[in-house]
Every structure is written in C-alpha cells, then in structure tokens.
Amino acid sequence: MKHFTFKDFQQKFPDDSSCLEWLKNRFYPDGIHCKKCDRVTNHYRSESRPSFCCANCGNHVHPTADTILHKSSTSLTTWFYAMYLMGSTRCGISAKQIQRETGVTYKTAWRMFHQIRKMMDEGGSLFGSVEMDETYVGGKLINKHRNKLKQGTHKDKQPVFGMVERGGRVIVKVTKDAKVNTLFPIIAEYVLPATTVYTDSYTTYDHLSLMRQGYDHQRINHTAKVYVMGNIHTNTIEGFWSLLKRGIGGVYHAVSAKHLQSYCDEYSFRYNHRRDEQPMFISLLNRIEKAPKPSELPF
C-alpha cells in the first residue's frame, strides 16, 4: 500500500477550498449538470458559501449536500484531517486523540468519529477458502465479581462472528448469541455456495455441510489442542481477532455493545484495504457518498 504522509496531506488539502474542489471532482467528474439550465454548464466557486454557482443562471450546487459533511459547522479541512488520522493508523485512534489533534470539542470529535465510521461498513460476498469463528468481547474474568463468574465464562460478554477469505476480505457481525439460528443465516447471506469453509469443533457448526449452499466443511479440533492439520486451520480469523481485541483494549479500553459493530467495521475496513494500491486515506475519502433522496429510493 502506498503511504500518504502528513506532508502529502498538507500539500493536497491545505484549506477548505481544496477539500471542496476534491468533493466537486468526486461527485461531478464530467462537469456539474445545472437543473435549471438542464445541461452541463460552467460553474465558478462561490465566495460566500461552500458551493459552486452556474455561470448562466447563478444556481448553487453544494458538493457537501446529503453527505456526512452536510450543514456541518466544522471546517472541511478538519473533517478531512480526521479521516486522514483514522485512515493512517494501524491500530485505531480515539475520539479524544482526534480532539487533541484538531482542536475541536470532544462532542464534535465524537460525532465526526462515528460519522466517519459509518462509511467503513462494507458488505460483499466471500468465496474460495473461508474461515469462520466466533469470539466474545468484554471484560477479563480476573476483573469480574465472583457472582458474574458463577454465571459462566461468556456471560455478560458480547458475541461477535467473523468470516474471512484466506488472503482476502473479512466480514464481522455482532450477534445476540452463537447459536445455529443466528449464525447460519449470516453465513448463507455472505458466503457463496460451494465454498470450502474451515471452522473449529464448536457444536454450532456440526451441520454446516448440510446447508443447501453445498459447503465443503473442514474442521480442526481445538479441544484436543490441535491447531493446524495440513491446510485445515482457523489461524487467519484468529489473527484478525487478535488485531481487533488488542486495538480495542489498547486504544479504546472499553466499548459498549451499542457501538461495538461500528468498531468492528472500522477494523474490518483496515484489514480489507491493507493491500490497496492507493493510500487507505484516499480509499476512505472515496467512501463519501450522497444519501439517496426519498424519491430515489427503490421502494
């Protein structure tokens, strides 16, 4: 992956005008179509507001409209720099650090933080060789009260289910439990038929090969302390769990169940774009989209 240094950022986005120009080129690569003139016309930068005016009729077009930047009082440069920080770090960055770096209030940093995270949610399908595993995110047993310990190892922890292509992408979903009725619909949605899937010996996966998708199910018996047997293992997804948990524990310290999915999306995005030819910051910028208007929705 090509590196994008802070010096590169300063040269490419020195002010709000350069950020707005980038957004204009992002959404209108072939020129701005003026609705009043009903054709592509020349537009010039407005001096009084973050918009471009039609040279013929004066109609304003706002590149930030219907995006996460819509009507934000925070400068575009600050938004772009926050995205640069989130796209440049390997282990994550906290809202408090964004506050320190940008000079905004913590409330503003927190809002920017979660708005940017929304862009990191990715779907898609997995195929080829796919490893699956479940994990639990929560406090360490040594720190729990003895009454909690009596309830079981995973009680009061949040289940998280992950699927990863070997050498490819990962998809992570926060779930209510790790039972068949919860995990199998997720598997059917994201893993293509006739895929070879690798799991451990957890009982939930007992009937995975009987699904109508025709998966070739290979298992490794972790309970017998066997972790690799030829090509059969779940080391790839275990490695991702390590990145996720070390990042949450080291950077954020604690994450509520309400926001855990967005944190999983953030780490999944970094993992999925680790081999992009362009800098990850640019990949993140390209995720800025305009929300569809009610009249444009398919229902």
Protein backbone atom coordinates (compact mmCIF):
# COMPACT_ATOMS: atom_id res chain seq x y z
CA MET A 1 0.00 0.00 0.00
CA LYS A 2 1.30 3.45 -0.93
CA HIS A 3 1.95 5.76 2.03
CA PHE A 4 0.29 9.15 2.32
CA THR A 5 2.34 11.31 4.69
CA PHE A 6 1.25 14.35 6.67
CA LYS A 7 3.29 16.48 4.26
CA ASP A 8 1.31 14.96 1.37
CA PHE A 9 -1.90 15.85 3.19
CA GLN A 10 -0.81 19.46 3.69
CA GLN A 11 0.08 19.80 0.01
CA LYS A 12 -3.13 18.23 -1.29
CA PHE A 13 -5.61 19.71 1.20
CA PRO A 14 -4.14 22.99 2.53
CA ASP A 15 -7.54 24.67 3.01
CA ASP A 16 -11.31 24.24 2.75
CA SER A 17 -11.34 25.31 -0.90
CA SER A 18 -9.09 22.42 -1.92
CA CYS A 19 -11.30 19.99 0.02
CA LEU A 20 -14.43 21.37 -1.65
CA GLU A 21 -12.76 21.15 -5.05
CA TRP A 22 -11.95 17.49 -4.39
CA LEU A 23 -15.58 16.79 -3.49
CA LYS A 24 -16.76 18.55 -6.64
CA ASN A 25 -14.48 16.40 -8.79
CA ARG A 26 -15.60 13.33 -6.82
CA PHE A 27 -19.32 13.83 -7.45
CA TYR A 28 -19.21 15.67 -10.78
CA PRO A 29 -16.27 14.22 -12.77
CA ASP A 30 -17.90 15.16 -16.10
CA GLY A 31 -18.97 18.64 -15.04
CA ILE A 32 -21.91 19.92 -12.99
CA HIS A 33 -25.36 19.44 -14.51
CA CYS A 34 -27.43 22.52 -13.77
CA LYS A 35 -31.05 21.59 -13.03
CA LYS A 36 -32.36 24.99 -14.10
CA CYS A 37 -30.43 25.06 -17.37
CA ASP A 38 -30.98 21.28 -17.80
CA ARG A 39 -27.45 20.75 -19.10
CA VAL A 40 -23.81 20.69 -18.03
CA THR A 41 -22.66 24.27 -17.60
CA ASN A 42 -19.61 26.14 -16.35
CA HIS A 43 -19.62 26.75 -12.60
CA TYR A 44 -17.49 29.09 -10.52
CA ARG A 45 -16.68 28.95 -6.81
CA SER A 46 -18.98 30.99 -4.58
CA GLU A 47 -17.16 33.36 -2.24
CA SER A 48 -19.88 33.50 0.43
CA ARG A 49 -20.76 29.81 0.85
CA PRO A 50 -19.27 26.32 0.18
CA SER A 51 -20.89 25.92 -3.21
CA PHE A 52 -20.44 26.39 -6.94
CA CYS A 53 -22.61 28.75 -9.00
CA CYS A 54 -23.83 28.21 -12.53
CA ALA A 55 -22.28 30.81 -14.82
CA ASN A 56 -25.56 31.09 -16.75
CA CYS A 57 -28.33 31.23 -14.13
CA GLY A 58 -26.48 31.51 -10.81
CA ASN A 59 -27.99 28.31 -9.35
CA HIS A 60 -25.96 26.99 -6.40
CA VAL A 61 -24.68 23.41 -6.13
CA HIS A 62 -23.34 22.17 -2.79
CA PRO A 63 -20.95 19.19 -3.06
CA THR A 64 -21.35 18.52 0.68
CA ALA A 65 -25.16 18.18 0.46
CA ASP A 66 -26.59 14.83 1.63
CA THR A 67 -23.19 13.57 2.82
CA ILE A 68 -21.77 13.21 6.34
CA LEU A 69 -20.46 16.77 5.84
CA HIS A 70 -23.93 18.21 5.22
CA LYS A 71 -24.52 21.50 7.10
CA SER A 72 -21.58 20.85 9.40
CA SER A 73 -20.15 23.92 11.12
CA THR A 74 -16.78 22.14 11.35
CA SER A 75 -14.36 23.09 8.59
CA LEU A 76 -13.82 20.68 5.70
CA THR A 77 -10.09 20.66 6.41
CA THR A 78 -10.77 19.37 9.93
CA TRP A 79 -13.09 16.66 8.58
CA PHE A 80 -10.51 15.57 6.03
CA TYR A 81 -7.74 15.58 8.63
CA ALA A 82 -9.85 13.43 10.97
CA MET A 83 -10.33 10.96 8.10
CA TYR A 84 -6.60 11.10 7.41
CA LEU A 85 -5.87 10.19 11.04
CA MET A 86 -8.37 7.31 11.03
CA GLY A 87 -7.10 6.04 7.69
CA SER A 88 -3.42 6.28 8.56
CA THR A 89 -3.29 4.48 11.89
CA ARG A 90 -2.90 0.71 12.02
CA CYS A 91 -4.46 0.08 15.43
CA GLY A 92 -7.12 2.80 15.57
CA ILE A 93 -7.38 6.26 17.08
CA SER A 94 -9.69 7.54 19.80
CA ALA A 95 -12.08 10.48 19.65
CA LYS A 96 -10.04 12.07 22.44
CA GLN A 97 -6.94 11.95 20.26
CA ILE A 98 -8.87 13.49 17.34
CA GLN A 99 -9.90 16.28 19.73
CA ARG A 100 -6.27 16.89 20.68
CA GLU A 101 -5.08 16.79 17.06
CA THR A 102 -7.78 19.03 15.55
CA GLY A 103 -8.67 21.38 18.42
CA VAL A 104 -12.43 20.74 18.24
CA THR A 105 -14.54 19.92 21.30
CA TYR A 106 -14.82 16.32 22.45
CA LYS A 107 -18.51 16.28 21.48
CA THR A 108 -17.60 17.33 17.92
CA ALA A 109 -14.74 14.83 17.74
CA TRP A 110 -17.06 12.03 18.92
CA ARG A 111 -19.67 12.91 16.29
CA MET A 112 -17.08 13.08 13.50
CA PHE A 113 -15.60 9.82 14.73
CA HIS A 114 -18.90 7.94 14.41
CA GLN A 115 -19.96 9.60 11.18
CA ILE A 116 -16.69 8.56 9.55
CA ARG A 117 -17.08 5.05 10.94
CA LYS A 118 -20.43 4.72 9.17
CA MET A 119 -18.55 4.89 5.86
CA MET A 120 -16.45 1.87 6.86
CA ASP A 121 -19.37 -0.56 6.80
CA GLU A 122 -18.79 -2.99 3.93
CA GLY A 123 -20.79 -5.89 2.56
CA GLY A 124 -19.98 -8.16 -0.36
CA SER A 125 -19.56 -11.91 -0.70
CA LEU A 126 -16.86 -14.36 0.32
CA PHE A 127 -15.74 -17.41 -1.67
CA GLY A 128 -12.83 -19.79 -2.16
CA SER A 129 -11.39 -20.80 1.23
CA VAL A 130 -13.26 -19.11 4.08
CA GLU A 131 -12.51 -19.42 7.78
CA MET A 132 -15.25 -18.84 10.37
CA ASP A 133 -15.10 -18.35 14.09
CA GLU A 134 -16.91 -16.69 16.96
CA THR A 135 -15.40 -14.69 19.78
CA TYR A 136 -16.59 -12.77 22.81
CA VAL A 137 -15.75 -9.16 23.61
CA GLY A 138 -15.91 -7.97 27.19
CA GLY A 139 -14.02 -7.65 30.46
CA LYS A 140 -11.41 -10.14 31.62
CA LEU A 141 -12.52 -12.87 34.00
CA ILE A 142 -9.90 -11.82 36.56
CA ASN A 143 -11.61 -8.41 36.84
CA LYS A 144 -15.15 -9.77 37.29
CA HIS A 145 -17.06 -10.17 40.53
CA ARG A 146 -17.44 -13.74 41.75
CA ASN A 147 -21.22 -13.54 41.17
CA LYS A 148 -20.53 -12.92 37.47
CA LEU A 149 -18.06 -15.81 37.34
CA LYS A 150 -20.75 -18.17 38.61
CA GLN A 151 -22.93 -17.32 35.60
CA GLY A 152 -20.42 -18.75 33.10
CA THR A 153 -17.34 -17.82 31.11
CA HIS A 154 -19.16 -15.88 28.37
CA LYS A 155 -21.94 -14.42 30.45
CA ASP A 156 -22.04 -10.63 30.23
CA LYS A 157 -19.83 -10.66 27.11
CA GLN A 158 -20.87 -9.70 23.58
CA PRO A 159 -20.71 -12.44 20.89
CA VAL A 160 -19.03 -11.49 17.61
CA PHE A 161 -18.99 -13.70 14.49
CA GLY A 162 -16.34 -13.42 11.78
CA MET A 163 -15.75 -14.85 8.30
CA VAL A 164 -12.53 -14.29 6.36
CA GLU A 165 -11.20 -15.32 2.96
CA ARG A 166 -7.68 -16.62 3.11
CA GLY A 167 -5.64 -13.81 1.59
CA GLY A 168 -8.78 -11.73 1.12
CA ARG A 169 -11.54 -9.87 2.91
CA VAL A 170 -13.17 -10.22 6.32
CA ILE A 171 -16.79 -9.67 7.36
CA VAL A 172 -17.62 -9.30 11.05
CA LYS A 173 -21.06 -9.17 12.65
CA VAL A 174 -22.05 -8.55 16.25
CA THR A 175 -24.71 -11.11 17.18
CA LYS A 176 -27.06 -11.81 20.07
CA ASP A 177 -25.62 -15.32 20.52
CA ALA A 178 -23.60 -18.01 18.72
CA LYS A 179 -26.41 -20.46 18.02
CA VAL A 180 -27.35 -22.14 14.73
CA ASN A 181 -30.44 -19.98 14.11
CA THR A 182 -28.31 -16.85 14.47
CA LEU A 183 -25.11 -17.77 12.61
CA PHE A 184 -26.39 -19.89 9.70
CA PRO A 185 -28.48 -17.08 8.07
CA ILE A 186 -25.40 -14.81 8.24
CA ILE A 187 -23.25 -17.50 6.61
CA ALA A 188 -25.83 -18.07 3.86
CA GLU A 189 -26.00 -14.31 3.17
CA TYR A 190 -22.29 -13.66 2.80
CA VAL A 191 -20.60 -16.96 1.83
CA LEU A 192 -21.18 -18.12 -1.74
CA PRO A 193 -22.27 -21.71 -2.47
CA ALA A 194 -19.70 -24.49 -2.96
CA THR A 195 -17.15 -22.63 -0.83
CA THR A 196 -14.69 -24.54 1.33
CA VAL A 197 -15.23 -23.40 4.91
CA TYR A 198 -12.93 -24.02 7.86
CA THR A 199 -14.12 -23.96 11.48
CA ASP A 200 -13.17 -25.32 14.87
CA SER A 201 -15.10 -28.09 16.62
CA TYR A 202 -17.76 -25.83 18.14
CA THR A 203 -21.11 -27.68 18.09
CA THR A 204 -22.92 -24.86 16.25
CA TYR A 205 -21.03 -25.85 13.07
CA ASP A 206 -21.98 -29.55 13.27
CA HIS A 207 -24.47 -29.39 10.38
CA LEU A 208 -22.77 -26.71 8.25
CA SER A 209 -22.12 -29.15 5.39
CA LEU A 210 -25.85 -29.96 5.24
CA MET A 211 -26.82 -26.43 4.25
CA ARG A 212 -28.28 -26.22 0.76
CA GLN A 213 -25.37 -23.98 -0.31
CA GLY A 214 -23.25 -27.13 -0.56
CA TYR A 215 -20.29 -26.02 1.54
CA ASP A 216 -17.23 -28.26 1.83
CA HIS A 217 -16.81 -28.19 5.62
CA GLN A 218 -13.36 -28.81 7.12
CA ARG A 219 -12.82 -28.78 10.91
CA ILE A 220 -9.91 -28.50 13.29
CA ASN A 221 -10.25 -29.90 16.82
CA HIS A 222 -9.06 -27.16 19.18
CA THR A 223 -10.37 -29.03 22.23
CA ALA A 224 -7.74 -31.70 21.55
CA LYS A 225 -5.13 -28.92 21.28
CA VAL A 226 -4.77 -29.47 17.53
CA TYR A 227 -4.47 -26.12 15.74
CA VAL A 228 -3.08 -26.95 12.28
CA MET A 229 -3.55 -30.10 10.25
CA GLY A 230 -2.25 -29.64 6.72
CA ASN A 231 -4.40 -26.93 5.15
CA ILE A 232 -7.04 -27.13 7.87
CA HIS A 233 -6.86 -24.33 10.43
CA THR A 234 -8.55 -21.11 11.55
CA ASN A 235 -5.37 -19.11 12.11
CA THR A 236 -6.39 -16.30 9.73
CA ILE A 237 -9.56 -15.37 11.59
CA GLU A 238 -7.79 -15.90 14.93
CA GLY A 239 -5.18 -13.37 13.77
CA PHE A 240 -7.92 -10.86 12.99
CA TRP A 241 -9.47 -11.37 16.45
CA SER A 242 -6.06 -10.56 17.90
CA LEU A 243 -5.90 -7.28 15.95
CA LEU A 244 -9.46 -6.36 16.97
CA LYS A 245 -9.08 -7.10 20.67
CA ARG A 246 -5.63 -5.58 21.02
CA GLY A 247 -6.87 -2.45 19.25
CA ILE A 248 -9.97 -2.10 21.41
CA GLY A 249 -8.08 -2.85 24.62
CA GLY A 250 -5.08 -0.66 23.82
CA VAL A 251 -6.76 2.36 22.18
CA TYR A 252 -10.37 2.45 23.37
CA HIS A 253 -10.02 0.39 26.60
CA ALA A 254 -13.74 -0.37 26.67
CA VAL A 255 -16.52 -0.46 24.06
CA SER A 256 -20.27 -0.60 24.68
CA ALA A 257 -22.37 -3.27 22.96
CA LYS A 258 -24.35 -0.45 21.30
CA HIS A 259 -21.33 0.80 19.33
CA LEU A 260 -19.34 -2.45 19.03
CA GLN A 261 -20.47 -3.10 15.44
CA SER A 262 -19.04 0.22 14.25
CA TYR A 263 -15.69 -0.61 15.86
CA CYS A 264 -15.72 -4.00 14.13
CA ASP A 265 -16.48 -2.23 10.84
CA GLU A 266 -13.51 0.07 11.38
CA TYR A 267 -11.04 -2.77 11.89
CA SER A 268 -12.60 -4.77 9.04
CA PHE A 269 -12.17 -1.78 6.71
CA ARG A 270 -8.46 -1.50 7.55
CA TYR A 271 -7.99 -5.24 7.07
CA ASN A 272 -9.85 -5.29 3.75
CA HIS A 273 -7.94 -2.31 2.32
CA ARG A 274 -4.49 -3.21 3.61
CA ARG A 275 -3.32 -4.11 0.10
CA ASP A 276 -4.89 -1.25 -1.85
CA GLU A 277 -2.58 0.36 -4.40
CA GLN A 278 -3.77 3.79 -3.28
CA PRO A 279 -3.36 5.12 0.28
CA MET A 280 -6.02 3.95 2.73
CA PHE A 281 -6.90 7.59 3.41
CA ILE A 282 -7.90 8.01 -0.25
CA SER A 283 -9.88 4.76 -0.10
CA LEU A 284 -11.74 6.24 2.87
CA LEU A 285 -12.36 9.55 1.11
CA ASN A 286 -13.83 7.66 -1.83
CA ARG A 287 -16.41 6.20 0.54
CA ILE A 288 -18.06 9.62 0.93
CA GLU A 289 -21.43 9.23 -0.77
CA LYS A 290 -24.57 11.25 -1.15
CA ALA A 291 -27.54 9.72 0.65
CA PRO A 292 -30.37 8.95 -1.78
CA LYS A 293 -33.37 11.26 -1.63
CA PRO A 294 -36.76 9.70 -0.75
CA SER A 295 -37.86 9.94 -4.40
CA GLU A 296 -34.76 7.98 -5.47
CA LEU A 297 -35.28 5.03 -3.11
CA PRO A 298 -36.26 1.71 -4.76
CA PHE A 299 -39.42 1.33 -2.65
